[in-house]
């Protein structure tokens, strides 16, 4: 396995007014987690990769992200939630139950 964790953030923006992840500032939240992983030296081979994804088809539960290889889906509100995911799941190998969907 090339990455220990591969994190996909839905950053879909629906122009028709329907609920979507980008209406919750998903792109900037992805940028935040990506920067934190880089800052902590967690990126690259054997580490963590944070990517943008198109629609993950769960926008009504959004914003959403999914972490592989486990296939754990999360929702989040703010950077504090992302820090919990970083510290507990990505560093501590423990799912953040309160944010799972």
PDB file of N, CA and C in Angstrom:
ATOM      1  N   UNK A   1       0.845  -1.170   0.000  1.00  0.00           N
ATOM      2  CA  UNK A   1       0.000   0.000   0.000  1.00  0.00           C
ATOM      3  C   UNK A   1       0.899   1.243   0.000  1.00  0.00           C
ATOM      4  N   UNK A   2       0.644   2.155  -0.916  1.00  0.00           N
ATOM      5  CA  UNK A   2       1.501   3.326  -1.056  1.00  0.00           C
ATOM      6  C   UNK A   2       1.286   4.334   0.068  1.00  0.00           C
ATOM      7  N   UNK A   3       0.007   4.609   0.406  1.00  0.00           N
ATOM      8  CA  UNK A   3      -0.311   5.517   1.502  1.00  0.00           C
ATOM      9  C   UNK A   3      -0.924   4.746   2.648  1.00  0.00           C
ATOM     10  N   UNK A   4      -0.625   5.143   3.855  1.00  0.00           N
ATOM     11  CA  UNK A   4      -1.281   4.545   5.013  1.00  0.00           C
ATOM     12  C   UNK A   4      -2.753   4.948   5.025  1.00  0.00           C
ATOM     13  N   UNK A   5      -3.017   6.233   4.754  1.00  0.00           N
ATOM     14  CA  UNK A   5      -4.376   6.749   4.686  1.00  0.00           C
ATOM     15  C   UNK A   5      -4.530   7.626   3.453  1.00  0.00           C
ATOM     16  N   UNK A   6      -5.657   7.482   2.788  1.00  0.00           N
ATOM     17  CA  UNK A   6      -5.995   8.327   1.653  1.00  0.00           C
ATOM     18  C   UNK A   6      -7.327   8.984   1.990  1.00  0.00           C
ATOM     19  N   UNK A   7      -7.315  10.309   2.125  1.00  0.00           N
ATOM     20  CA  UNK A   7      -8.471  11.078   2.574  1.00  0.00           C
ATOM     21  C   UNK A   7      -9.066  11.817   1.381  1.00  0.00           C
ATOM     22  N   UNK A   8     -10.348  11.593   1.126  1.00  0.00           N
ATOM     23  CA  UNK A   8     -11.045  12.256   0.032  1.00  0.00           C
ATOM     24  C   UNK A   8     -12.111  13.183   0.589  1.00  0.00           C
ATOM     25  N   UNK A   9     -12.015  14.462   0.235  1.00  0.00           N
ATOM     26  CA  UNK A   9     -12.996  15.475   0.614  1.00  0.00           C
ATOM     27  C   UNK A   9     -13.911  15.731  -0.576  1.00  0.00           C
ATOM     28  N   UNK A  10     -15.216  15.602  -0.385  1.00  0.00           N
ATOM     29  CA  UNK A  10     -16.145  16.030  -1.407  1.00  0.00           C
ATOM     30  C   UNK A  10     -16.109  17.555  -1.442  1.00  0.00           C
ATOM     31  N   UNK A  11     -15.855  18.109  -2.623  1.00  0.00           N
ATOM     32  CA  UNK A  11     -15.857  19.560  -2.793  1.00  0.00           C
ATOM     33  C   UNK A  11     -16.853  19.952  -3.886  1.00  0.00           C
ATOM     34  N   UNK A  12     -17.828  19.106  -4.096  1.00  0.00           N
ATOM     35  CA  UNK A  12     -18.826  19.349  -5.135  1.00  0.00           C
ATOM     36  C   UNK A  12     -19.624  20.617  -4.856  1.00  0.00           C
ATOM     37  N   UNK A  13     -19.873  21.378  -5.920  1.00  0.00           N
ATOM     38  CA  UNK A  13     -20.690  22.581  -5.822  1.00  0.00           C
ATOM     39  C   UNK A  13     -21.843  22.466  -6.807  1.00  0.00           C
ATOM     40  N   UNK A  14     -23.046  22.369  -6.276  1.00  0.00           N
ATOM     41  CA  UNK A  14     -24.239  22.293  -7.124  1.00  0.00           C
ATOM     42  C   UNK A  14     -24.749  23.700  -7.391  1.00  0.00           C
ATOM     43  N   UNK A  15     -24.871  24.019  -8.643  1.00  0.00           N
ATOM     44  CA  UNK A  15     -25.287  25.364  -9.065  1.00  0.00           C
ATOM     45  C   UNK A  15     -26.789  25.578  -8.940  1.00  0.00           C
ATOM     46  N   UNK A  16     -27.552  24.493  -8.783  1.00  0.00           N
ATOM     47  CA  UNK A  16     -29.016  24.609  -8.766  1.00  0.00           C
ATOM     48  C   UNK A  16     -29.594  24.912  -7.387  1.00  0.00           C
ATOM     49  N   UNK A  17     -28.726  25.152  -6.411  1.00  0.00           N
ATOM     50  CA  UNK A  17     -29.192  25.485  -5.071  1.00  0.00           C
ATOM     51  C   UNK A  17     -29.393  24.300  -4.154  1.00  0.00           C
ATOM     52  N   UNK A  18     -29.274  23.072  -4.688  1.00  0.00           N
ATOM     53  CA  UNK A  18     -29.389  21.894  -3.839  1.00  0.00           C
ATOM     54  C   UNK A  18     -28.218  21.838  -2.867  1.00  0.00           C
ATOM     55  N   UNK A  19     -28.449  21.167  -1.758  1.00  0.00           N
ATOM     56  CA  UNK A  19     -27.405  21.014  -0.738  1.00  0.00           C
ATOM     57  C   UNK A  19     -26.162  20.376  -1.357  1.00  0.00           C
ATOM     58  N   UNK A  20     -25.000  20.898  -1.004  1.00  0.00           N
ATOM     59  CA  UNK A  20     -23.731  20.318  -1.468  1.00  0.00           C
ATOM     60  C   UNK A  20     -22.625  20.654  -0.468  1.00  0.00           C
ATOM     61  N   UNK A  21     -21.564  19.917  -0.544  1.00  0.00           N
ATOM     62  CA  UNK A  21     -20.462  20.071   0.408  1.00  0.00           C
ATOM     63  C   UNK A  21     -19.770  21.424   0.295  1.00  0.00           C
ATOM     64  N   UNK A  22     -19.641  21.934  -0.914  1.00  0.00           N
ATOM     65  CA  UNK A  22     -18.941  23.208  -1.083  1.00  0.00           C
ATOM     66  C   UNK A  22     -19.697  24.368  -0.436  1.00  0.00           C
ATOM     67  N   UNK A  23     -20.995  24.227  -0.246  1.00  0.00           N
ATOM     68  CA  UNK A  23     -21.756  25.260   0.475  1.00  0.00           C
ATOM     69  C   UNK A  23     -21.335  25.338   1.944  1.00  0.00           C
ATOM     70  N   UNK A  24     -20.573  24.346   2.391  1.00  0.00           N
ATOM     71  CA  UNK A  24     -20.055  24.303   3.764  1.00  0.00           C
ATOM     72  C   UNK A  24     -18.546  24.575   3.793  1.00  0.00           C
ATOM     73  N   UNK A  25     -18.042  25.205   2.720  1.00  0.00           N
ATOM     74  CA  UNK A  25     -16.632  25.602   2.651  1.00  0.00           C
ATOM     75  C   UNK A  25     -15.680  24.404   2.639  1.00  0.00           C
ATOM     76  N   UNK A  26     -16.094  23.340   1.939  1.00  0.00           N
ATOM     77  CA  UNK A  26     -15.320  22.094   1.919  1.00  0.00           C
ATOM     78  C   UNK A  26     -13.905  22.278   1.368  1.00  0.00           C
ATOM     79  N   UNK A  27     -13.730  23.102   0.354  1.00  0.00           N
ATOM     80  CA  UNK A  27     -12.392  23.276  -0.237  1.00  0.00           C
ATOM     81  C   UNK A  27     -11.400  23.862   0.761  1.00  0.00           C
ATOM     82  N   UNK A  28     -11.841  24.840   1.530  1.00  0.00           N
ATOM     83  CA  UNK A  28     -10.919  25.428   2.502  1.00  0.00           C
ATOM     84  C   UNK A  28     -10.662  24.468   3.666  1.00  0.00           C
ATOM     85  N   UNK A  29     -11.629  23.648   4.003  1.00  0.00           N
ATOM     86  CA  UNK A  29     -11.425  22.651   5.070  1.00  0.00           C
ATOM     87  C   UNK A  29     -10.440  21.579   4.609  1.00  0.00           C
ATOM     88  N   UNK A  30     -10.551  21.177   3.329  1.00  0.00           N
ATOM     89  CA  UNK A  30      -9.585  20.222   2.777  1.00  0.00           C
ATOM     90  C   UNK A  30      -8.183  20.824   2.802  1.00  0.00           C
ATOM     91  N   UNK A  31      -8.077  22.073   2.403  1.00  0.00           N
ATOM     92  CA  UNK A  31      -6.777  22.755   2.400  1.00  0.00           C
ATOM     93  C   UNK A  31      -6.198  22.806   3.813  1.00  0.00           C
ATOM     94  N   UNK A  32      -7.048  23.031   4.798  1.00  0.00           N
ATOM     95  CA  UNK A  32      -6.597  23.066   6.188  1.00  0.00           C
ATOM     96  C   UNK A  32      -6.003  21.720   6.605  1.00  0.00           C
ATOM     97  N   UNK A  33      -6.741  20.624   6.354  1.00  0.00           N
ATOM     98  CA  UNK A  33      -6.237  19.312   6.779  1.00  0.00           C
ATOM     99  C   UNK A  33      -4.986  18.930   6.005  1.00  0.00           C
ATOM    100  N   UNK A  34      -4.951  19.244   4.741  1.00  0.00           N
ATOM    101  CA  UNK A  34      -3.765  18.956   3.931  1.00  0.00           C
ATOM    102  C   UNK A  34      -2.542  19.699   4.483  1.00  0.00           C
ATOM    103  N   UNK A  35      -2.711  20.970   4.813  1.00  0.00           N
ATOM    104  CA  UNK A  35      -1.610  21.767   5.365  1.00  0.00           C
ATOM    105  C   UNK A  35      -1.162  21.226   6.718  1.00  0.00           C
ATOM    106  N   UNK A  36      -2.104  20.814   7.554  1.00  0.00           N
ATOM    107  CA  UNK A  36      -1.754  20.259   8.870  1.00  0.00           C
ATOM    108  C   UNK A  36      -0.953  18.969   8.714  1.00  0.00           C
ATOM    109  N   UNK A  37      -1.356  18.114   7.786  1.00  0.00           N
ATOM    110  CA  UNK A  37      -0.614  16.867   7.561  1.00  0.00           C
ATOM    111  C   UNK A  37       0.800  17.160   7.081  1.00  0.00           C
ATOM    112  N   UNK A  38       0.924  18.117   6.189  1.00  0.00           N
ATOM    113  CA  UNK A  38       2.248  18.506   5.691  1.00  0.00           C
ATOM    114  C   UNK A  38       3.083  19.105   6.815  1.00  0.00           C
ATOM    115  N   UNK A  39       2.472  19.982   7.598  1.00  0.00           N
ATOM    116  CA  UNK A  39       3.157  20.628   8.721  1.00  0.00           C
ATOM    117  C   UNK A  39       3.707  19.601   9.709  1.00  0.00           C
ATOM    118  N   UNK A  40       2.976  18.526   9.903  1.00  0.00           N
ATOM    119  CA  UNK A  40       3.386  17.480  10.848  1.00  0.00           C
ATOM    120  C   UNK A  40       4.279  16.415  10.213  1.00  0.00           C
ATOM    121  N   UNK A  41       4.626  16.583   8.933  1.00  0.00           N
ATOM    122  CA  UNK A  41       5.504  15.629   8.256  1.00  0.00           C
ATOM    123  C   UNK A  41       4.848  14.285   7.988  1.00  0.00           C
ATOM    124  N   UNK A  42       3.549  14.289   7.760  1.00  0.00           N
ATOM    125  CA  UNK A  42       2.803  13.038   7.598  1.00  0.00           C
ATOM    126  C   UNK A  42       2.532  12.666   6.147  1.00  0.00           C
ATOM    127  N   UNK A  43       2.955  13.496   5.202  1.00  0.00           N
ATOM    128  CA  UNK A  43       2.626  13.266   3.797  1.00  0.00           C
ATOM    129  C   UNK A  43       3.697  12.425   3.107  1.00  0.00           C
ATOM    130  N   UNK A  44       3.377  11.950   1.905  1.00  0.00           N
ATOM    131  CA  UNK A  44       4.326  11.174   1.113  1.00  0.00           C
ATOM    132  C   UNK A  44       4.142   9.681   1.287  1.00  0.00           C
ATOM    133  N   UNK A  45       5.005   8.936   0.652  1.00  0.00           N
ATOM    134  CA  UNK A  45       4.927   7.480   0.665  1.00  0.00           C
ATOM    135  C   UNK A  45       4.855   6.949   2.098  1.00  0.00           C
ATOM    136  N   UNK A  46       3.881   6.077   2.326  1.00  0.00           N
ATOM    137  CA  UNK A  46       3.698   5.497   3.648  1.00  0.00           C
ATOM    138  C   UNK A  46       2.954   6.406   4.610  1.00  0.00           C
ATOM    139  N   UNK A  47       2.574   7.588   4.144  1.00  0.00           N
ATOM    140  CA  UNK A  47       1.921   8.567   5.005  1.00  0.00           C
ATOM    141  C   UNK A  47       0.471   8.801   4.630  1.00  0.00           C
ATOM    142  N   UNK A  48       0.098  10.060   4.651  1.00  0.00           N
ATOM    143  CA  UNK A  48      -1.289  10.464   4.435  1.00  0.00           C
ATOM    144  C   UNK A  48      -1.378  11.325   3.176  1.00  0.00           C
ATOM    145  N   UNK A  49      -2.363  11.031   2.360  1.00  0.00           N
ATOM    146  CA  UNK A  49      -2.645  11.827   1.159  1.00  0.00           C
ATOM    147  C   UNK A  49      -4.040  12.411   1.315  1.00  0.00           C
ATOM    148  N   UNK A  50      -4.162  13.730   1.178  1.00  0.00           N
ATOM    149  CA  UNK A  50      -5.451  14.419   1.277  1.00  0.00           C
ATOM    150  C   UNK A  50      -5.800  14.932  -0.112  1.00  0.00           C
ATOM    151  N   UNK A  51      -6.931  14.457  -0.640  1.00  0.00           N
ATOM    152  CA  UNK A  51      -7.340  14.793  -2.001  1.00  0.00           C
ATOM    153  C   UNK A  51      -8.722  15.414  -2.071  1.00  0.00           C
ATOM    154  N   UNK A  52      -8.917  16.137  -3.165  1.00  0.00           N
ATOM    155  CA  UNK A  52     -10.231  16.636  -3.539  1.00  0.00           C
ATOM    156  C   UNK A  52     -10.950  15.532  -4.298  1.00  0.00           C
ATOM    157  N   UNK A  53     -12.230  15.400  -4.037  1.00  0.00           N
ATOM    158  CA  UNK A  53     -13.054  14.459  -4.799  1.00  0.00           C
ATOM    159  C   UNK A  53     -14.216  15.228  -5.395  1.00  0.00           C
ATOM    160  N   UNK A  54     -14.714  14.732  -6.477  1.00  0.00           N
ATOM    161  CA  UNK A  54     -15.962  15.256  -7.003  1.00  0.00           C
ATOM    162  C   UNK A  54     -17.072  14.799  -6.074  1.00  0.00           C
ATOM    163  N   UNK A  55     -18.276  14.820  -6.569  1.00  0.00           N
ATOM    164  CA  UNK A  55     -19.421  14.452  -5.739  1.00  0.00           C
ATOM    165  C   UNK A  55     -19.284  13.020  -5.234  1.00  0.00           C
ATOM    166  N   UNK A  56     -19.423  12.857  -3.924  1.00  0.00           N
ATOM    167  CA  UNK A  56     -19.408  11.530  -3.311  1.00  0.00           C
ATOM    168  C   UNK A  56     -20.828  11.040  -3.039  1.00  0.00           C
ATOM    169  N   UNK A  57     -21.809  11.790  -3.527  1.00  0.00           N
ATOM    170  CA  UNK A  57     -23.224  11.425  -3.491  1.00  0.00           C
ATOM    171  C   UNK A  57     -23.792  11.269  -2.085  1.00  0.00           C
ATOM    172  N   UNK A  58     -23.257  12.041  -1.146  1.00  0.00           N
ATOM    173  CA  UNK A  58     -23.796  12.047   0.213  1.00  0.00           C
ATOM    174  C   UNK A  58     -23.929  13.484   0.714  1.00  0.00           C
ATOM    175  N   UNK A  59     -24.142  14.405  -0.206  1.00  0.00           N
ATOM    176  CA  UNK A  59     -24.173  15.832   0.122  1.00  0.00           C
ATOM    177  C   UNK A  59     -25.207  16.174   1.186  1.00  0.00           C
ATOM    178  N   UNK A  60     -26.313  15.434   1.226  1.00  0.00           N
ATOM    179  CA  UNK A  60     -27.339  15.723   2.231  1.00  0.00           C
ATOM    180  C   UNK A  60     -26.835  15.463   3.648  1.00  0.00           C
ATOM    181  N   UNK A  61     -25.726  14.753   3.779  1.00  0.00           N
ATOM    182  CA  UNK A  61     -25.116  14.490   5.080  1.00  0.00           C
ATOM    183  C   UNK A  61     -23.855  15.321   5.260  1.00  0.00           C
ATOM    184  N   UNK A  62     -23.624  16.241   4.390  1.00  0.00           N
ATOM    185  CA  UNK A  62     -22.372  16.946   4.278  1.00  0.00           C
ATOM    186  C   UNK A  62     -22.183  18.113   5.217  1.00  0.00           C
ATOM    187  N   UNK A  63     -20.978  18.584   5.149  1.00  0.00           N
ATOM    188  CA  UNK A  63     -19.926  18.164   4.240  1.00  0.00           C
ATOM    189  C   UNK A  63     -19.396  16.784   4.630  1.00  0.00           C
ATOM    190  N   UNK A  64     -18.880  16.074   3.637  1.00  0.00           N
ATOM    191  CA  UNK A  64     -18.414  14.716   3.893  1.00  0.00           C
ATOM    192  C   UNK A  64     -16.996  14.501   3.399  1.00  0.00           C
ATOM    193  N   UNK A  65     -16.368  13.516   4.046  1.00  0.00           N
ATOM    194  CA  UNK A  65     -15.056  13.034   3.628  1.00  0.00           C
ATOM    195  C   UNK A  65     -15.027  11.539   3.896  1.00  0.00           C
ATOM    196  N   UNK A  66     -14.162  10.827   3.208  1.00  0.00           N
ATOM    197  CA  UNK A  66     -14.019   9.394   3.428  1.00  0.00           C
ATOM    198  C   UNK A  66     -12.532   9.074   3.500  1.00  0.00           C
ATOM    199  N   UNK A  67     -12.184   8.185   4.418  1.00  0.00           N
ATOM    200  CA  UNK A  67     -10.787   7.799   4.618  1.00  0.00           C
ATOM    201  C   UNK A  67     -10.621   6.329   4.264  1.00  0.00           C
ATOM    202  N   UNK A  68      -9.689   6.077   3.358  1.00  0.00           N
ATOM    203  CA  UNK A  68      -9.341   4.714   2.964  1.00  0.00           C
ATOM    204  C   UNK A  68      -7.956   4.381   3.482  1.00  0.00           C
ATOM    205  N   UNK A  69      -7.668   3.127   3.781  1.00  0.00           N
ATOM    206  CA  UNK A  69      -8.319   1.946   3.245  1.00  0.00           C
ATOM    207  C   UNK A  69      -9.545   1.459   4.033  1.00  0.00           C
ATOM    208  N   UNK A  70      -9.844   2.042   5.167  1.00  0.00           N
ATOM    209  CA  UNK A  70     -10.956   1.537   5.984  1.00  0.00           C
ATOM    210  C   UNK A  70     -12.325   1.853   5.404  1.00  0.00           C
ATOM    211  N   UNK A  71     -12.430   2.902   4.610  1.00  0.00           N
ATOM    212  CA  UNK A  71     -13.726   3.309   4.077  1.00  0.00           C
ATOM    213  C   UNK A  71     -14.610   3.947   5.136  1.00  0.00           C
ATOM    214  N   UNK A  72     -13.998   4.733   6.022  1.00  0.00           N
ATOM    215  CA  UNK A  72     -14.745   5.402   7.089  1.00  0.00           C
ATOM    216  C   UNK A  72     -15.196   6.767   6.589  1.00  0.00           C
ATOM    217  N   UNK A  73     -16.501   7.013   6.702  1.00  0.00           N
ATOM    218  CA  UNK A  73     -17.108   8.277   6.269  1.00  0.00           C
ATOM    219  C   UNK A  73     -17.315   9.188   7.464  1.00  0.00           C
ATOM    220  N   UNK A  74     -16.958  10.465   7.266  1.00  0.00           N
ATOM    221  CA  UNK A  74     -17.136  11.470   8.308  1.00  0.00           C
ATOM    222  C   UNK A  74     -17.863  12.686   7.757  1.00  0.00           C
ATOM    223  N   UNK A  75     -18.541  13.374   8.652  1.00  0.00           N
ATOM    224  CA  UNK A  75     -18.985  14.727   8.402  1.00  0.00           C
ATOM    225  C   UNK A  75     -18.217  15.606   9.391  1.00  0.00           C
ATOM    226  N   UNK A  76     -18.200  16.899   9.147  1.00  0.00           N
ATOM    227  CA  UNK A  76     -17.454  17.822  10.001  1.00  0.00           C
ATOM    228  C   UNK A  76     -18.090  19.197   9.893  1.00  0.00           C
ATOM    229  N   UNK A  77     -17.829  20.032  10.864  1.00  0.00           N
ATOM    230  CA  UNK A  77     -18.358  21.389  10.856  1.00  0.00           C
ATOM    231  C   UNK A  77     -17.234  22.411  10.744  1.00  0.00           C
ATOM    232  N   UNK A  78     -16.154  22.171  11.479  1.00  0.00           N
ATOM    233  CA  UNK A  78     -15.108  23.180  11.568  1.00  0.00           C
ATOM    234  C   UNK A  78     -13.737  22.531  11.692  1.00  0.00           C
ATOM    235  N   UNK A  79     -12.732  23.372  11.858  1.00  0.00           N
ATOM    236  CA  UNK A  79     -11.362  22.879  11.957  1.00  0.00           C
ATOM    237  C   UNK A  79     -11.142  22.058  13.231  1.00  0.00           C
ATOM    238  N   UNK A  80     -11.901  22.332  14.262  1.00  0.00           N
ATOM    239  CA  UNK A  80     -11.809  21.530  15.489  1.00  0.00           C
ATOM    240  C   UNK A  80     -12.196  20.084  15.206  1.00  0.00           C
ATOM    241  N   UNK A  81     -13.249  19.878  14.423  1.00  0.00           N
ATOM    242  CA  UNK A  81     -13.635  18.521  14.032  1.00  0.00           C
ATOM    243  C   UNK A  81     -12.526  17.858  13.214  1.00  0.00           C
ATOM    244  N   UNK A  82     -11.921  18.615  12.308  1.00  0.00           N
ATOM    245  CA  UNK A  82     -10.837  18.064  11.490  1.00  0.00           C
ATOM    246  C   UNK A  82      -9.626  17.711  12.340  1.00  0.00           C
ATOM    247  N   UNK A  83      -9.345  18.517  13.354  1.00  0.00           N
ATOM    248  CA  UNK A  83      -8.245  18.195  14.269  1.00  0.00           C
ATOM    249  C   UNK A  83      -8.532  16.892  15.020  1.00  0.00           C
ATOM    250  N   UNK A  84      -9.792  16.683  15.414  1.00  0.00           N
ATOM    251  CA  UNK A  84     -10.154  15.425  16.077  1.00  0.00           C
ATOM    252  C   UNK A  84      -9.927  14.247  15.146  1.00  0.00           C
ATOM    253  N   UNK A  85     -10.295  14.399  13.873  1.00  0.00           N
ATOM    254  CA  UNK A  85     -10.077  13.326  12.895  1.00  0.00           C
ATOM    255  C   UNK A  85      -8.583  13.098  12.694  1.00  0.00           C
ATOM    256  N   UNK A  86      -7.829  14.170  12.603  1.00  0.00           N
ATOM    257  CA  UNK A  86      -6.373  14.060  12.450  1.00  0.00           C
ATOM    258  C   UNK A  86      -5.750  13.339  13.638  1.00  0.00           C
ATOM    259  N   UNK A  87      -6.036  13.832  14.825  1.00  0.00           N
ATOM    260  CA  UNK A  87      -5.407  13.281  16.029  1.00  0.00           C
ATOM    261  C   UNK A  87      -5.870  11.859  16.358  1.00  0.00           C
ATOM    262  N   UNK A  88      -7.174  11.645  16.286  1.00  0.00           N
ATOM    263  CA  UNK A  88      -7.710  10.342  16.700  1.00  0.00           C
ATOM    264  C   UNK A  88      -7.608   9.280  15.614  1.00  0.00           C
ATOM    265  N   UNK A  89      -8.019   9.612  14.394  1.00  0.00           N
ATOM    266  CA  UNK A  89      -8.040   8.596  13.340  1.00  0.00           C
ATOM    267  C   UNK A  89      -6.692   8.482  12.627  1.00  0.00           C
ATOM    268  N   UNK A  90      -6.213   9.590  12.085  1.00  0.00           N
ATOM    269  CA  UNK A  90      -5.008   9.528  11.264  1.00  0.00           C
ATOM    270  C   UNK A  90      -3.734   9.301  12.065  1.00  0.00           C
ATOM    271  N   UNK A  91      -3.682   9.802  13.272  1.00  0.00           N
ATOM    272  CA  UNK A  91      -2.502   9.574  14.121  1.00  0.00           C
ATOM    273  C   UNK A  91      -2.720   8.467  15.138  1.00  0.00           C
ATOM    274  N   UNK A  92      -3.943   8.340  15.639  1.00  0.00           N
ATOM    275  CA  UNK A  92      -4.205   7.378  16.707  1.00  0.00           C
ATOM    276  C   UNK A  92      -4.882   6.093  16.283  1.00  0.00           C
ATOM    277  N   UNK A  93      -5.178   5.958  14.987  1.00  0.00           N
ATOM    278  CA  UNK A  93      -5.829   4.749  14.461  1.00  0.00           C
ATOM    279  C   UNK A  93      -7.134   4.410  15.180  1.00  0.00           C
ATOM    280  N   UNK A  94      -7.857   5.452  15.610  1.00  0.00           N
ATOM    281  CA  UNK A  94      -9.131   5.256  16.306  1.00  0.00           C
ATOM    282  C   UNK A  94     -10.187   6.121  15.635  1.00  0.00           C
ATOM    283  N   UNK A  95     -11.287   5.512  15.217  1.00  0.00           N
ATOM    284  CA  UNK A  95     -12.350   6.250  14.546  1.00  0.00           C
ATOM    285  C   UNK A  95     -12.993   7.260  15.491  1.00  0.00           C
ATOM    286  N   UNK A  96     -13.403   8.389  14.943  1.00  0.00           N
ATOM    287  CA  UNK A  96     -14.063   9.441  15.706  1.00  0.00           C
ATOM    288  C   UNK A  96     -15.568   9.188  15.602  1.00  0.00           C
ATOM    289  N   UNK A  97     -16.092   8.489  16.565  1.00  0.00           N
ATOM    290  CA  UNK A  97     -17.479   8.015  16.498  1.00  0.00           C
ATOM    291  C   UNK A  97     -18.488   9.143  16.324  1.00  0.00           C
ATOM    292  N   UNK A  98     -18.284  10.268  17.000  1.00  0.00           N
ATOM    293  CA  UNK A  98     -19.270  11.357  16.962  1.00  0.00           C
ATOM    294  C   UNK A  98     -19.394  12.009  15.584  1.00  0.00           C
ATOM    295  N   UNK A  99     -18.400  11.809  14.700  1.00  0.00           N
ATOM    296  CA  UNK A  99     -18.424  12.426  13.386  1.00  0.00           C
ATOM    297  C   UNK A  99     -18.700  11.434  12.254  1.00  0.00           C
ATOM    298  N   UNK A 100     -18.804  10.153  12.561  1.00  0.00           N
ATOM    299  CA  UNK A 100     -19.043   9.145  11.536  1.00  0.00           C
ATOM    300  C   UNK A 100     -20.460   9.247  10.982  1.00  0.00           C
ATOM    301  N   UNK A 101     -20.556   8.957   9.684  1.00  0.00           N
ATOM    302  CA  UNK A 101     -21.875   8.861   9.062  1.00  0.00           C
ATOM    303  C   UNK A 101     -21.999   7.506   8.378  1.00  0.00           C
TER     304      UNK A 101
END
